[in-house]
Structures are given as C-alpha cells and as structure tokens.
Protein backbone atom coordinates (compact mmCIF):
# COMPACT_ATOMS: atom_id res chain seq x y z
CA UNK A 1 -44.43 -56.80 -18.93
CA UNK A 2 -45.30 -55.36 -22.31
CA UNK A 3 -42.71 -55.48 -25.02
CA UNK A 4 -41.26 -52.00 -25.58
CA UNK A 5 -41.13 -52.79 -29.29
CA UNK A 6 -44.95 -52.87 -29.31
CA UNK A 7 -45.42 -49.44 -27.69
CA UNK A 8 -47.01 -46.78 -29.87
CA UNK A 9 -47.59 -43.05 -29.65
CA UNK A 10 -50.33 -40.93 -31.19
CA UNK A 11 -49.15 -37.71 -32.81
CA UNK A 12 -51.08 -34.42 -33.02
CA UNK A 13 -52.23 -35.12 -36.55
CA UNK A 14 -53.90 -38.38 -35.40
CA UNK A 15 -51.27 -40.75 -36.78
CA UNK A 16 -50.04 -43.51 -34.51
CA UNK A 17 -46.39 -44.48 -34.68
CA UNK A 18 -44.30 -47.24 -33.12
CA UNK A 19 -41.77 -45.97 -30.60
CA UNK A 20 -39.25 -48.60 -31.60
CA UNK A 21 -39.25 -47.26 -35.13
CA UNK A 22 -38.16 -43.84 -33.87
CA UNK A 23 -35.46 -44.94 -31.36
CA UNK A 24 -32.49 -42.95 -32.61
CA UNK A 25 -32.64 -40.18 -35.23
CA UNK A 26 -35.77 -39.65 -37.30
CA UNK A 27 -38.21 -37.09 -38.68
CA UNK A 28 -41.89 -36.82 -37.88
CA UNK A 29 -42.85 -35.96 -41.44
CA UNK A 30 -44.10 -38.44 -44.06
CA UNK A 31 -41.79 -37.15 -46.80
CA UNK A 32 -40.48 -39.88 -49.13
CA UNK A 33 -36.87 -38.60 -49.00
CA UNK A 34 -36.47 -37.47 -45.38
CA UNK A 35 -32.74 -36.91 -45.68
CA UNK A 36 -33.37 -34.16 -48.25
CA UNK A 37 -36.57 -32.58 -46.93
CA UNK A 38 -36.68 -29.32 -45.01
CA UNK A 39 -38.18 -30.72 -41.81
CA UNK A 40 -36.14 -31.02 -38.64
CA UNK A 41 -34.71 -34.13 -36.97
CA UNK A 42 -35.84 -35.55 -33.65
CA UNK A 43 -33.92 -37.71 -31.18
CA UNK A 44 -35.56 -40.53 -29.26
CA UNK A 45 -34.03 -43.07 -26.86
CA UNK A 46 -35.02 -45.28 -23.92
CA UNK A 47 -32.67 -45.00 -20.93
CA UNK A 48 -33.43 -46.67 -17.59
CA UNK A 49 -37.03 -47.38 -18.55
CA UNK A 50 -37.68 -43.72 -19.35
CA UNK A 51 -38.32 -42.59 -22.89
CA UNK A 52 -36.54 -39.35 -23.87
CA UNK A 53 -37.43 -37.37 -26.96
CA UNK A 54 -36.14 -33.98 -28.08
CA UNK A 55 -35.69 -31.89 -31.21
CA UNK A 56 -32.21 -31.95 -32.71
CA UNK A 57 -32.24 -28.16 -33.12
CA UNK A 58 -32.67 -27.80 -29.35
CA UNK A 59 -29.71 -30.09 -28.64
CA UNK A 60 -27.57 -28.17 -31.16
CA UNK A 61 -28.84 -24.85 -29.73
CA UNK A 62 -30.10 -23.74 -33.14
CA UNK A 63 -33.29 -21.81 -33.98
CA UNK A 64 -36.47 -23.86 -33.92
CA UNK A 65 -37.06 -25.59 -37.26
CA UNK A 66 -33.41 -25.31 -38.34
CA UNK A 67 -32.31 -28.07 -40.68
CA UNK A 68 -29.09 -30.12 -40.73
CA UNK A 69 -27.72 -33.14 -42.53
CA UNK A 70 -28.11 -36.70 -41.27
CA UNK A 71 -24.40 -37.02 -40.45
CA UNK A 72 -24.47 -33.90 -38.29
CA UNK A 73 -27.69 -35.05 -36.60
CA UNK A 74 -26.10 -38.43 -35.77
CA UNK A 75 -23.17 -36.67 -34.15
CA UNK A 76 -25.42 -34.57 -31.90
CA UNK A 77 -27.53 -37.64 -31.08
CA UNK A 78 -24.50 -39.67 -29.97
CA UNK A 79 -23.36 -36.89 -27.60
CA UNK A 80 -26.88 -36.37 -26.24
CA UNK A 81 -27.41 -40.07 -25.58
CA UNK A 82 -24.02 -40.37 -23.86
CA UNK A 83 -25.00 -37.55 -21.48
CA UNK A 84 -28.29 -39.27 -20.64
CA UNK A 85 -26.59 -42.60 -19.95
CA UNK A 86 -23.94 -40.94 -17.82
CA UNK A 87 -26.56 -39.07 -15.81
CA UNK A 88 -28.48 -42.33 -15.27
CA UNK A 89 -25.49 -44.28 -13.99
CA UNK A 90 -23.88 -41.37 -12.13
CA UNK A 91 -26.71 -39.33 -10.66
CA UNK A 92 -25.79 -35.98 -9.21
CA UNK A 93 -26.10 -35.79 -5.42
CA UNK A 94 -28.92 -33.69 -4.13
CA UNK A 95 -27.67 -30.36 -2.75
CA UNK A 96 -27.62 -30.19 1.02
CA UNK A 97 -30.35 -27.95 2.37
CA UNK A 98 -29.12 -24.67 3.79
CA UNK A 99 -29.41 -24.27 7.54
CA UNK A 100 -32.39 -22.31 8.74
CA UNK A 101 -30.10 -19.69 10.29
CA UNK A 102 -26.52 -18.95 9.26
CA UNK A 103 -24.33 -18.12 12.27
CA UNK A 104 -23.03 -14.57 12.16
CA UNK A 105 -19.29 -14.27 12.71
CA UNK A 106 -17.86 -11.66 15.03
CA UNK A 107 -15.08 -9.21 14.27
CA UNK A 108 -12.76 -11.07 16.63
CA UNK A 109 -13.32 -14.42 14.86
CA UNK A 110 -12.66 -13.02 11.40
CA UNK A 111 -9.70 -10.96 12.63
CA UNK A 112 -8.10 -14.16 13.87
CA UNK A 113 -8.45 -15.76 10.44
CA UNK A 114 -7.27 -12.54 8.76
CA UNK A 115 -4.10 -12.54 10.85
CA UNK A 116 -3.49 -16.24 10.22
CA UNK A 117 -4.11 -16.18 6.45
CA UNK A 118 -2.96 -12.70 5.41
CA UNK A 119 -0.67 -11.25 8.09
CA UNK A 120 1.35 -14.16 9.48
CA UNK A 121 2.79 -15.40 6.20
CA UNK A 122 6.45 -16.44 5.72
CA UNK A 123 6.99 -14.07 2.80
CA UNK A 124 6.18 -10.97 4.89
CA UNK A 125 8.96 -9.07 6.65
CA UNK A 126 8.91 -9.55 10.44
CA UNK A 127 8.73 -5.79 11.03
CA UNK A 128 5.73 -5.46 8.72
CA UNK A 129 3.99 -8.40 10.43
CA UNK A 130 4.53 -6.84 13.84
CA UNK A 131 3.17 -3.51 12.61
CA UNK A 132 0.01 -5.12 11.16
CA UNK A 133 -0.62 -7.12 14.34
CA UNK A 134 -0.27 -3.94 16.38
CA UNK A 135 -2.96 -2.26 14.26
CA UNK A 136 -5.38 -5.21 14.38
CA UNK A 137 -4.93 -5.39 18.15
CA UNK A 138 -6.51 -1.95 18.53
CA UNK A 139 -9.61 -2.95 16.59
CA UNK A 140 -9.91 -6.18 18.55
CA UNK A 141 -9.97 -4.30 21.86
CA UNK A 142 -13.01 -2.30 20.75
CA UNK A 143 -14.94 -4.46 18.27
CA UNK A 144 -14.02 -8.10 19.03
CA UNK A 145 -17.50 -9.16 20.24
CA UNK A 146 -19.47 -7.19 17.65
CA UNK A 147 -21.06 -9.11 14.75
CA UNK A 148 -19.13 -8.32 11.59
CA UNK A 149 -22.10 -6.85 9.63
CA UNK A 150 -23.23 -4.67 12.56
CA UNK A 151 -20.18 -2.40 12.69
CA UNK A 152 -21.14 1.02 11.36
CA UNK A 153 -19.26 4.13 10.37
CA UNK A 154 -20.40 5.75 13.63
CA UNK A 155 -18.66 2.99 15.63
CA UNK A 156 -15.42 3.53 13.77
CA UNK A 157 -15.62 7.30 14.14
CA UNK A 158 -16.28 6.97 17.88
CA UNK A 159 -13.23 4.77 18.29
CA UNK A 160 -10.96 7.19 16.43
CA UNK A 161 -12.29 10.14 18.46
CA UNK A 162 -11.66 8.21 21.67
CA UNK A 163 -8.04 7.56 20.66
CA UNK A 164 -7.52 11.30 20.27
CA UNK A 165 -8.40 11.85 23.94
CA UNK A 166 -6.85 8.80 25.64
CA UNK A 167 -3.44 9.31 27.19
CA UNK A 168 -3.34 6.40 29.66
CA UNK A 169 -2.41 3.66 27.17
CA UNK A 170 0.91 3.36 25.40
CA UNK A 171 0.52 4.12 21.71
CA UNK A 172 -2.79 5.96 22.21
CA UNK A 173 -1.48 9.49 21.94
CA UNK A 174 -4.00 10.22 19.21
CA UNK A 175 -1.72 11.08 16.31
CA UNK A 176 -3.38 11.56 12.94
CA UNK A 177 -0.84 9.42 11.12
CA UNK A 178 -1.63 6.42 13.34
CA UNK A 179 -5.36 7.06 12.88
CA UNK A 180 -4.85 6.95 9.12
CA UNK A 181 -3.03 3.64 9.43
CA UNK A 182 -5.78 2.21 11.65
CA UNK A 183 -8.46 3.26 9.17
CA UNK A 184 -6.48 1.84 6.26
CA UNK A 185 -6.00 -1.51 7.99
CA UNK A 186 -9.69 -1.77 8.92
CA UNK A 187 -10.70 -0.86 5.37
CA UNK A 188 -8.46 -3.60 3.97
CA UNK A 189 -9.81 -6.08 6.55
CA UNK A 190 -13.41 -5.45 5.47
CA UNK A 191 -12.53 -5.64 1.76
CA UNK A 192 -10.81 -8.97 2.47
CA UNK A 193 -13.91 -10.17 4.35
CA UNK A 194 -16.19 -9.14 1.47
CA UNK A 195 -14.07 -11.14 -1.01
CA UNK A 196 -14.41 -14.22 1.20
CA UNK A 197 -18.16 -13.83 1.60
CA UNK A 198 -18.12 -13.14 5.34
CA UNK A 199 -19.92 -9.84 4.99
CA UNK A 200 -21.72 -8.02 2.19
CA UNK A 201 -20.86 -4.41 2.97
CA UNK A 202 -18.24 -2.34 4.73
CA UNK A 203 -18.70 0.46 7.28
CA UNK A 204 -16.79 2.64 4.83
CA UNK A 205 -19.73 2.42 2.40
CA UNK A 206 -22.89 4.49 2.77
CA UNK A 207 -25.75 2.12 3.62
CA UNK A 208 -29.31 2.62 2.29
CA UNK A 209 -31.64 4.03 4.91
CA UNK A 210 -28.79 5.18 7.15
CA UNK A 211 -27.39 8.68 7.60
CA UNK A 212 -24.68 9.51 5.13
CA UNK A 213 -21.93 9.31 7.71
CA UNK A 214 -18.72 8.84 5.80
CA UNK A 215 -15.38 8.17 7.41
CA UNK A 216 -13.22 11.09 6.43
CA UNK A 217 -9.52 10.32 6.40
CA UNK A 218 -7.62 12.27 9.01
CA UNK A 219 -5.47 15.12 7.77
CA UNK A 220 -1.75 14.55 7.64
CA UNK A 221 0.20 15.96 10.56
CA UNK A 222 2.85 18.54 9.85
CA UNK A 223 6.21 16.84 9.48
CA UNK A 224 8.83 17.21 12.20
CA UNK A 225 11.51 19.81 11.62
CA UNK A 226 13.49 19.32 14.85
CA UNK A 227 17.23 19.39 14.42
CA UNK A 228 20.22 19.69 16.72
CA UNK A 229 20.54 23.14 18.23
CA UNK A 230 23.86 24.81 19.02
CA UNK A 231 25.63 22.98 21.82
CA UNK A 232 23.26 20.00 21.97
CA UNK A 233 25.48 17.62 20.03
CA UNK A 234 28.47 18.30 22.29
CA UNK A 235 26.39 17.84 25.46
CA UNK A 236 24.88 14.57 24.25
CA UNK A 237 28.21 13.19 23.09
CA UNK A 238 29.77 13.98 26.47
CA UNK A 239 26.94 12.39 28.47
CA UNK A 240 26.17 9.37 26.24
CA UNK A 241 27.52 5.90 27.08
CA UNK A 242 30.13 4.49 24.72
CA UNK A 243 27.76 2.29 22.71
CA UNK A 244 25.22 5.09 22.29
CA UNK A 245 27.96 7.51 21.26
CA UNK A 246 29.09 5.36 18.31
CA UNK A 247 25.47 4.88 17.24
CA UNK A 248 24.91 8.65 17.31
CA UNK A 249 27.97 9.18 15.11
CA UNK A 250 26.80 6.50 12.71
CA UNK A 251 23.28 7.97 12.49
CA UNK A 252 24.61 11.46 11.80
CA UNK A 253 27.12 10.30 9.18
CA UNK A 254 25.03 7.64 7.40
CA UNK A 255 21.51 9.10 7.86
CA UNK A 256 20.24 5.52 8.19
CA UNK A 257 17.20 4.48 10.18
CA UNK A 258 17.91 3.06 13.62
CA UNK A 259 16.36 -0.26 12.62
CA UNK A 260 18.58 -0.46 9.53
CA UNK A 261 21.66 0.45 11.56
CA UNK A 262 21.10 -2.15 14.29
CA UNK A 263 20.43 -4.81 11.63
CA UNK A 264 23.74 -4.12 9.86
CA UNK A 265 26.09 -7.12 9.91
CA UNK A 266 29.79 -7.34 9.10
CA UNK A 267 28.77 -9.19 5.93
CA UNK A 268 27.06 -5.97 4.80
CA UNK A 269 30.29 -3.95 5.15
CA UNK A 270 32.63 -3.50 2.19
CA UNK A 271 35.75 -1.69 3.43
CA UNK A 272 37.37 -1.90 0.00
CA UNK A 273 34.60 0.09 -1.68
CA UNK A 274 33.74 2.01 1.49
CA UNK A 275 30.02 1.13 1.44
CA UNK A 276 27.38 -0.26 3.78
CA UNK A 277 24.65 -2.42 2.23
CA UNK A 278 21.10 -2.07 3.55
CA UNK A 279 19.38 -5.34 2.71
CA UNK A 280 15.76 -5.30 1.44
CA UNK A 281 14.55 -7.40 4.36
CA UNK A 282 15.87 -4.82 6.84
CA UNK A 283 14.86 -1.67 4.92
CA UNK A 284 11.58 0.05 5.72
CA UNK A 285 10.65 0.25 2.04
CA UNK A 286 11.80 -3.35 1.33
CA UNK A 287 14.26 -1.93 -1.20
CA UNK A 288 17.98 -2.40 -0.71
CA UNK A 289 20.54 0.36 -1.17
CA UNK A 290 24.20 1.18 -0.56
CA UNK A 291 25.33 3.91 1.82
CA UNK A 292 28.89 5.32 1.64
CA UNK A 293 31.06 5.38 4.75
CA UNK A 294 32.65 8.48 6.22
CA UNK A 295 36.05 8.40 7.90
CA UNK A 296 34.42 8.37 11.35
CA UNK A 297 32.17 5.43 10.47
CA UNK A 298 35.08 3.50 8.96
CA UNK A 299 37.11 4.01 12.13
CA UNK A 300 34.21 2.73 14.27
CA UNK A 301 33.77 -0.39 12.14
CA UNK A 302 37.49 -1.19 11.99
CA UNK A 303 37.64 -0.95 15.79
CA UNK A 304 34.82 -3.51 16.06
CA UNK A 305 36.16 -6.03 13.55
CA UNK A 306 37.80 -8.02 16.35
CA UNK A 307 35.65 -9.65 19.01
CA UNK A 308 36.36 -9.83 22.74
CA UNK A 309 38.07 -13.21 22.22
CA UNK A 310 40.64 -11.61 19.91
CA UNK A 311 39.25 -13.31 16.80
CA UNK A 312 37.68 -11.58 13.77
CA UNK A 313 33.93 -11.16 13.93
CA UNK A 314 31.99 -13.53 11.63
CA UNK A 315 29.97 -12.03 8.75
CA UNK A 316 26.73 -12.80 10.62
CA UNK A 317 27.71 -10.71 13.68
CA UNK A 318 26.01 -7.34 14.05
CA UNK A 319 28.22 -4.28 13.73
CA UNK A 320 26.35 -2.23 16.33
CA UNK A 321 25.35 -5.17 18.52
CA UNK A 322 26.55 -6.15 21.96
CA UNK A 323 30.07 -7.34 22.79
CA UNK A 324 29.43 -10.82 21.39
CA UNK A 325 27.89 -9.60 18.13
CA UNK A 326 24.21 -10.13 19.00
CA UNK A 327 21.67 -7.64 17.74
CA UNK A 328 20.46 -4.87 20.06
CA UNK A 329 16.78 -4.04 19.67
CA UNK A 330 16.09 -0.46 18.48
CA UNK A 331 13.76 0.12 21.45
CA UNK A 332 16.65 -0.55 23.85
CA UNK A 333 18.71 2.11 22.06
CA UNK A 334 15.79 4.56 22.25
CA UNK A 335 15.46 4.06 26.00
CA UNK A 336 19.13 4.87 26.58
CA UNK A 337 18.79 7.87 24.25
CA UNK A 338 15.77 9.24 26.13
CA UNK A 339 17.47 8.91 29.51
CA UNK A 340 20.58 10.66 28.15
CA UNK A 341 18.51 13.54 26.75
CA UNK A 342 16.69 13.92 30.06
CA UNK A 343 19.97 13.96 31.96
CA UNK A 344 21.44 16.87 29.95
CA UNK A 345 18.16 18.77 29.56
CA UNK A 346 17.59 18.24 25.84
CA UNK A 347 13.83 18.15 25.13
CA UNK A 348 11.74 17.09 22.14
CA UNK A 349 14.63 15.47 20.30
CA UNK A 350 13.94 11.98 18.94
CA UNK A 351 16.62 9.50 18.00
CA UNK A 352 15.16 9.49 14.47
CA UNK A 353 15.82 13.25 14.27
CA UNK A 354 19.53 12.45 13.90
CA UNK A 355 18.69 10.92 10.51
CA UNK A 356 17.09 14.20 9.46
CA UNK A 357 20.08 16.08 10.84
CA UNK A 358 22.51 14.01 8.79
CA UNK A 359 20.46 14.32 5.60
CA UNK A 360 20.03 18.07 6.04
CA UNK A 361 23.77 18.51 6.55
CA UNK A 362 24.38 16.68 3.27
CA UNK A 363 22.03 19.00 1.43
CA UNK A 364 23.44 22.12 3.07
CA UNK A 365 27.01 21.38 1.92
CA UNK A 366 25.84 21.20 -1.69
CA UNK A 367 24.83 17.56 -2.28
CA UNK A 368 22.09 17.43 -4.91
CA UNK A 369 18.57 16.70 -3.71
CA UNK A 370 18.15 13.58 -5.85
CA UNK A 371 21.45 12.23 -4.47
CA UNK A 372 20.25 12.79 -0.91
CA UNK A 373 16.98 11.06 -1.80
CA UNK A 374 18.82 8.01 -3.08
CA UNK A 375 21.08 8.06 0.00
CA UNK A 376 18.07 8.02 2.32
CA UNK A 377 16.24 5.34 0.37
CA UNK A 378 13.19 7.52 -0.36
CA UNK A 379 10.91 6.55 -3.22
CA UNK A 380 10.51 10.14 -4.51
CA UNK A 381 12.40 13.41 -4.34
CA UNK A 382 9.20 15.08 -3.06
CA UNK A 383 9.37 12.92 0.05
CA UNK A 384 12.98 13.98 0.61
CA UNK A 385 12.15 17.64 0.07
CA UNK A 386 9.52 17.50 2.83
CA UNK A 387 11.86 15.51 5.06
CA UNK A 388 14.74 18.00 5.09
CA UNK A 389 14.77 21.01 7.38
CA UNK A 390 16.91 24.12 7.80
CA UNK A 391 18.21 25.34 11.13
CA UNK A 392 17.65 28.86 12.43
CA UNK A 393 21.35 29.62 11.91
CA UNK A 394 21.08 28.62 8.26
CA UNK A 395 18.02 30.85 7.82
CA UNK A 396 19.90 33.78 9.37
CA UNK A 397 22.84 33.06 7.07
CA UNK A 398 20.43 33.21 4.12
CA UNK A 399 19.17 36.61 5.29
CA UNK A 400 22.77 37.87 5.59
CA UNK A 401 23.50 36.69 2.05
CA UNK A 402 20.38 38.47 0.79
CA UNK A 403 21.29 41.72 2.54
CA UNK A 404 24.88 41.54 1.23
CA UNK A 405 23.65 41.06 -2.34
CA UNK A 406 21.23 43.96 -1.96
CA UNK A 407 23.94 46.23 -0.58
CA UNK A 408 26.29 45.29 -3.41
CA UNK A 409 23.63 46.12 -5.99
CA UNK A 410 22.92 49.48 -4.34
CA UNK A 411 26.64 50.39 -4.24
CA UNK A 412 27.04 49.44 -7.87
CA UNK A 413 24.13 51.67 -8.88
CA UNK A 414 25.68 54.80 -7.31
CA UNK A 415 29.26 54.52 -8.65
CA UNK A 416 28.78 56.81 -11.66
CA UNK A 417 27.02 57.49 -14.89
CA UNK A 418 29.03 54.87 -16.70
CA UNK A 419 27.51 52.10 -14.67
CA UNK A 420 24.28 50.50 -15.74
CA UNK A 421 21.39 51.92 -13.68
CA UNK A 422 19.15 49.53 -11.79
CA UNK A 423 16.25 47.96 -13.66
CA UNK A 424 13.66 50.08 -11.85
CA UNK A 425 15.52 53.29 -12.87
CA UNK A 426 15.67 52.13 -16.48
CA UNK A 427 11.95 51.48 -16.46
CA UNK A 428 11.06 54.89 -15.00
CA UNK A 429 13.16 56.80 -17.58
CA UNK A 430 12.53 54.70 -20.64
CA UNK A 431 10.28 55.94 -23.44
CA UNK A 432 8.04 52.88 -22.93
CA UNK A 433 7.49 53.59 -19.24
CA UNK A 434 3.81 53.69 -18.20
CA UNK A 435 2.40 57.24 -18.10
CA UNK A 436 -0.44 58.83 -16.21
CA UNK A 437 -3.56 59.11 -18.33
CA UNK A 438 -4.28 62.73 -17.35
CA UNK A 439 -0.86 64.36 -17.20
CA UNK A 440 1.11 62.24 -19.66
CA UNK A 441 4.13 61.92 -17.34
CA UNK A 442 5.50 58.91 -15.63
CA UNK A 443 3.89 58.36 -12.19
CA UNK A 444 5.94 59.67 -9.32
CA UNK A 445 7.26 57.49 -6.54
CA UNK A 446 4.39 56.30 -4.34
CA UNK A 447 1.71 56.87 -7.02
CA UNK A 448 -0.43 53.91 -7.98
CA UNK A 449 -0.73 52.75 -11.57
CA UNK A 450 -4.25 52.57 -12.93
CA UNK A 451 -4.76 49.38 -14.95
CA UNK A 452 -7.60 49.42 -17.52
C-alpha cells in the first residue's frame, strides 16, 4: 500500500503539491507571508481513508473569497474535523423506505382514537365527556366505514337533513341547536385529525374542482318562553309525589339547574350564611357560584338533615337524594315530572322551565338584571335577558299601567288654564310651530307636514 505521505495532487495552474503538506489548514497561494495575504484558507484532512478538502469560507458560511485570521481558521477546522470523525464512527442510519401504499384510516378508527386521547381524559367533567360521546356516536352511525379523506360536505349536509326528518330514534327530533353542536364537534374532530396528519383537508373547506358546497351553520331556534300558567302550579303540587314536590319548590326558589340541584351535598349547604354552593365540577359552565336560600328551601334542608337512622347526614350525602343520601339521576326526576304533568293535563312544560319561572319571578319583583344573571350563573347579561320571559298576566298589567298613565295625563290637561298644556298643544300654539308653506298657518289636525 502506498504511503499517504507520498500522495500528490495537481492543481489547476499545473503545480503539483503533496497532500501531506496540506493536511490541516493551509492556503493554495504561493505568497511568502500566507498569514497576512488576502487569499482564503482551505481545510484538508484524511478520515477513514477518504480525503476531505473544503474552503474555510464555506465552513464558516461566509461569502466566497472572504478572509479570516489563522486563529479563527484553526477554530473552524477543529469543529469541521470533529464532525467528520463523528460521522465516520457514528454513521446515520439509512431512512426506512416508505411503503408503496399508505393505508387509509376510516372515520370510525380515528373517532376511536379521538375519544381516547381527547374526550376521555381525567381532567374533563363527566357530564361534558358524556355529551361529547353522545355527539360522536351520531357521526359513527353514519360515517364509521367511510375513509376519512372521502367525507364531503354533501355527506354531512345529507346527514343533517336526515336528522331533521327522523322521529323514530331518541334524540333525533331534528332541533337546530343539536345540529349546530353536531357540526361543531365534527369540525373540531377534522381539525384535530389535520393536526395529527391523518387527513389533509376537512369537509368544511371548499375543495378544488368540487362544487362550492359550504356547510352553513343552522340558524338558532327561538328560545323557550313557557312559564307556569294560572292554576298549573297548584295542580302540579297537589299531584306530585313528596320527593318531586320538594324538588319543584327548590327549583322555583333557587332557579338552579336540575343537574346542579341533584348534585348538591350537605357539605355545600351553609345554614349560617343561608347559601348553597354550586361547585365548578357540577355547574354547566364549570364556574362555581353561591345561591341564597329562601325560607321554604331552608325548611326543606333542615327537615332532611337527619337520616332515617336518626343520625345527622354526612357532608357527602346528597340533599335531594334518596332516603339514604345517594344521588338521584336527573333523568329519573324528569320521568316522574313528565308522568305528573300528563296526569293533571299540563302540556309542553319542561322541568327546566321551572328555572326560568324562578328567574323571571326574581326580575318581576324588582331584582336587577345583573343580579339575576349572577344568580343564574350566566356568563353575560345578554344571555339572561334572552332567558327571561313575561307571562300574559304581566303583559296585561303593563297595558293597564300604560292606560292609567295616559288617563292621568289627559285629566291633568283638562283641569284649567293654570295647568301646563300637553306637549303636543304647546307645539301647535308656539311661535316656532311648523307652518304650511302656502297659507302660513299651522297645519290642522290630520294634515300632513311637507318636509323639504
């Protein structure tokens, strides 16, 4: 084997140089004082039987022909050589070839991972998890076997239209609010899939070459305004079982949600301050709040402080639970409520309407709107304003008040000349009253003013 020290290399100008002489840092010029000349440095090294040579300016990422001192060149050479030696002793593995065909995942497969990774997490409230799983179940029934990229906006629109006509499946009554929630959950599912690289586009995006079929969000349904009509409260109270009766009183006096009320424990009750604490994990908005107790609610709670064994209920026992302090599911309360309403002939009255009834009564007796909003746990006063409703009796009372005020004003205007005439009379007889352009007098009653 030839001695590497004897190897030479011919340069472009015809000169022949020894490679061993240039192992390290050197210049290709023949200047007498190379450390002070304007020519650039070159690096040269033998690693693993392979000779490597490169310009120092390239290693330092400087413009071609840039100059630097010998000390700086040595520093770049040391780092460059260390990289070469490391690459020789620790070669990078060759990337695995991609499969000829990448398997396409179906909506059902990715939905399962979505539920496992995003929905079923310990930090999420159980009620929220149940709600999300209910929404994903609907999409699984229709799109489970479809490849994820093949779902189009037309498929989603067809599913929503079908829900609006189906009446044979529980929960498929076709409400617009539920359709909005289904669309929102599917949109989030596809955005989540795009972030993970499972799909490139979403059916909510307009695809090139396809009709511009956009999914238009369903309009919001008009809010419910149903309240107790005259005589309904008395009939329901008379026909309701004992447990349902106390829950009805509590809903009317606290305006709490049925889920919040059934989750209330004796540890959430403060009889000294007269408040009930709605914990964040039981609130719909995940925000806790305090609700004051009325005399009727206090009496109900004090009667339930002692269990059937004669001992005080523990703080973990549920106030509106069964006889042993276990929680009663809200759906069980709704079933008893519906049967009671059917028995006395009350129609189209939901258990949740008692919350609206209680809140509206608060507002009607003069409680400020922002106070009612805080009582209900709403995020904005606008939400509370839409939520409240007036009864027909209250509207008739408002009309009576308006008529009484109008009659009082009319009587006051006819008492005598000493009284101040109504505003319309002042306007008609004032010097600044509008006049007719042709006659110069104020327009008579019934004439129309011409505005120029």
